[in-house]
């Protein structure tokens, strides 16, 4: 069964991460963005990363560690 082609909108952290994962799963991916690095929101706002006021705390900590490592 052929996988559907996918259009990802945005070239910030989420858009690029999503496009990579979809390609890894075998999808044909097209990326559309109004701006690319270094002109994305991610370039400006993602300088500091950590889970903030999220629950359940024990799971959020684990998810955060795994996500940051990835």
Protein backbone atom coordinates (compact mmCIF):
# COMPACT_ATOMS: atom_id res chain seq x y z
CA UNK A 1 0.00 0.00 0.00
CA UNK A 2 1.44 3.37 -1.03
CA UNK A 3 1.62 6.07 1.60
CA UNK A 4 -0.14 9.35 0.97
CA UNK A 5 1.86 12.42 0.02
CA UNK A 6 1.92 14.99 2.82
CA UNK A 7 2.11 18.78 2.80
CA UNK A 8 3.75 20.32 5.88
CA UNK A 9 3.11 24.01 6.47
CA UNK A 10 5.89 25.89 8.22
CA UNK A 11 9.66 25.48 8.47
CA UNK A 12 10.15 26.10 12.17
CA UNK A 13 11.04 23.45 14.71
CA UNK A 14 7.66 21.70 14.56
CA UNK A 15 7.31 21.82 10.77
CA UNK A 16 10.81 20.51 10.09
CA UNK A 17 10.58 17.85 12.81
CA UNK A 18 7.24 16.67 11.44
CA UNK A 19 8.56 16.56 7.88
CA UNK A 20 11.58 14.50 8.94
CA UNK A 21 9.46 11.96 10.84
CA UNK A 22 7.03 11.62 7.95
CA UNK A 23 9.89 11.06 5.48
CA UNK A 24 11.37 8.45 7.82
CA UNK A 25 8.02 6.61 7.67
CA UNK A 26 8.11 6.63 3.87
CA UNK A 27 5.80 9.51 3.00
CA UNK A 28 6.51 11.87 0.14
CA UNK A 29 6.73 15.25 1.89
CA UNK A 30 6.43 18.75 0.51
CA UNK A 31 7.30 21.68 2.77
CA UNK A 32 5.68 25.09 2.31
CA UNK A 33 6.70 28.05 4.42
CA UNK A 34 6.39 31.79 4.36
CA UNK A 35 9.81 32.09 6.03
CA UNK A 36 12.84 29.89 6.46
CA UNK A 37 15.71 30.01 8.94
CA UNK A 38 16.90 32.37 10.27
CA UNK A 39 13.56 34.17 9.88
CA UNK A 40 11.20 31.75 11.66
CA UNK A 41 9.56 32.21 15.04
CA UNK A 42 11.52 29.18 16.23
CA UNK A 43 14.81 30.95 15.53
CA UNK A 44 13.80 33.71 17.90
CA UNK A 45 11.73 32.06 20.61
CA UNK A 46 13.27 28.61 21.05
CA UNK A 47 16.51 29.68 22.68
CA UNK A 48 15.36 28.36 26.07
CA UNK A 49 13.51 25.06 26.32
CA UNK A 50 12.01 23.29 29.30
CA UNK A 51 8.60 21.93 30.35
CA UNK A 52 6.71 24.63 32.21
CA UNK A 53 3.68 24.20 34.46
CA UNK A 54 2.72 20.84 32.99
CA UNK A 55 1.32 17.74 34.64
CA UNK A 56 1.63 14.96 35.61
CA UNK A 57 5.08 16.10 36.69
CA UNK A 58 6.78 12.67 36.65
CA UNK A 59 5.63 11.92 33.10
CA UNK A 60 6.32 15.44 31.84
CA UNK A 61 9.88 15.21 33.13
CA UNK A 62 10.42 11.91 31.29
CA UNK A 63 8.79 13.22 28.10
CA UNK A 64 10.90 16.36 28.27
CA UNK A 65 14.15 14.43 28.69
CA UNK A 66 13.28 12.13 25.76
CA UNK A 67 12.22 15.04 23.53
CA UNK A 68 15.28 17.10 24.30
CA UNK A 69 17.55 14.13 23.55
CA UNK A 70 15.81 13.60 20.21
